[in-house]
Amino acid sequence: MTSFLEYLATALFAIAIVHTFSVPVFARLANRGGPHAGMWHLLSEVEAVFGVWACVLLACMALISGVGDTVQYVDTRNFTEPAFVFVIMVVAASRPIIELVNIFVRGLARSLPMRIELAMFFVTMSFVPLAGSFITEPAAMTLAALLLRDAYFHRPGQAGFKYMTLGVLFVNISIGGVLTAYAAPPVLMVAHTFQWDSAYMATHFGWRAAAAVIINAGVLTFLCRKYLLDGTLGGEPAIEETRPPVPYSVIAIHTLFLIGVVLSAHHPIIFLGFMMLFIGYAQAYKRHQNPLLIREGLMVGFFLAGLVVLGGLQKWWLQDLLAGLSPTVLFWGATVLTAFTDNAALTYLGSLVDGTDELWRYMLVAGAVTGGGLTVIANAPNPAGFSILKRFFPDGAISPLKLLISAAIPTLVAAFMFLLPPPF
């Protein structure tokens, strides 16, 4: 029987979603100044929304059920993913890693049969998201967002270009991590239960995702070619680098830190240990560093932790809803539901449904990753890109409705590829 707390959690979850779509309103209020400008600014931070409403839920739980039961509920939640996204953002966004990625991106761009301005943008929007299958989606999102920030988003105006780029980026990151069984959160949540390994993911999901990513990036590059070629959007970093290049030895050590964090993604004590060592090393050689994204990473972790707390009490309606859907309806249902709840939570609840066949499971995961770019809450890495790029949009806020519209076409491209007859 559904409890009052579950109803309350669902109501607060719905309020948080409405709040997410309302952040531009709070941003405009904050920009007007006044005695409450600080509060309006807090409410305009998308990364704070779910954390704030999760705190409201915990306060209500403490009053209704007692502090002991509230602490027990929090203790039963799994906060590994929020902690991992925080750590991987900080490490992947360090200057040595960015320089390493720039070397690869430029080398790959020069090998393509197109103008370097177009090739750089195309590689950033396609091969970096696909690299998420190996370095994890949060790392790929962080790297792609930083490349876009430095090369394109720093220019004023061009809001249409920025929204189209953000929509494609979110979709491509969501589907670009399914070439392996460990890099995409919605796949990771079910891989063991469904007995899917990386070979299975590559043959059933990978080639479809890669085709959709390349199509989305190619169409966007074609549509934006005028701006990319005439210099309107740049293509070079906003600030010319005057410091000496980072030594290869420092890049190698940072790469080892990144590999260590990725390999220990399921063990928070280990990757947090790597984080402490990394901060110490970065401080010791700060002349080779940019400021670490500590604040941005913490805000994203707070967002995801709030989603974990609120999402933990949505099983009463979500699991029954998924269990009653046919495979095709499930695909579109999962795509839509993902826009309003984290796709990893969606696939996890679907994995608890008994008596499902392989086609049903495929449609569940395919729909979840397809809809992962529609909103900032749809996929765990989205808040990372959102946090890095939001200040370059009007009023320093990204409109959720405009993001939804911008991601619609790339989402349909991904849906077309995943709905091609599966090999079952």
Foldseek 3Di string as FASTA:
>chain_A
DADPLLVVLVVLLVVLLVLLLCLVVLLVVLVVDDPCSVVSVQSSQNLCSLLVSLVVSLVVCCVPVNNVVSVVLLVPFDLLLLLLLLLLLLLLLKLLNLVVVVVVLQVQLVPDPDDSLLSSQLCLQAVLLLCLLPLALLSSLSSSLVQCVFFFLVAADPQVLVLLSLLSNQLLNLLSNQLAQCRFLQSVLCCVLVVPGNVNSNVFRNVLSNVLSSVSSVVSSVVCVVCSPVCVRGGHGPDDDPADADDPVVSVVSVVLSVQSSVCSVPSVRNVVSSVVVVVVCVVPVSNTDDGPNVLSVSLSSSVSSLSSSLVSNLVPLLVVLLPDDLVVLLQVLLVVLQSHALNSNSNSPSPHPDDDPSSNLSSSLSLSLNRSQFCRSGSSSSSSCSSNQCSHPSSHDNSVSSNVSNVVSSVSSVVSSPDDGPD
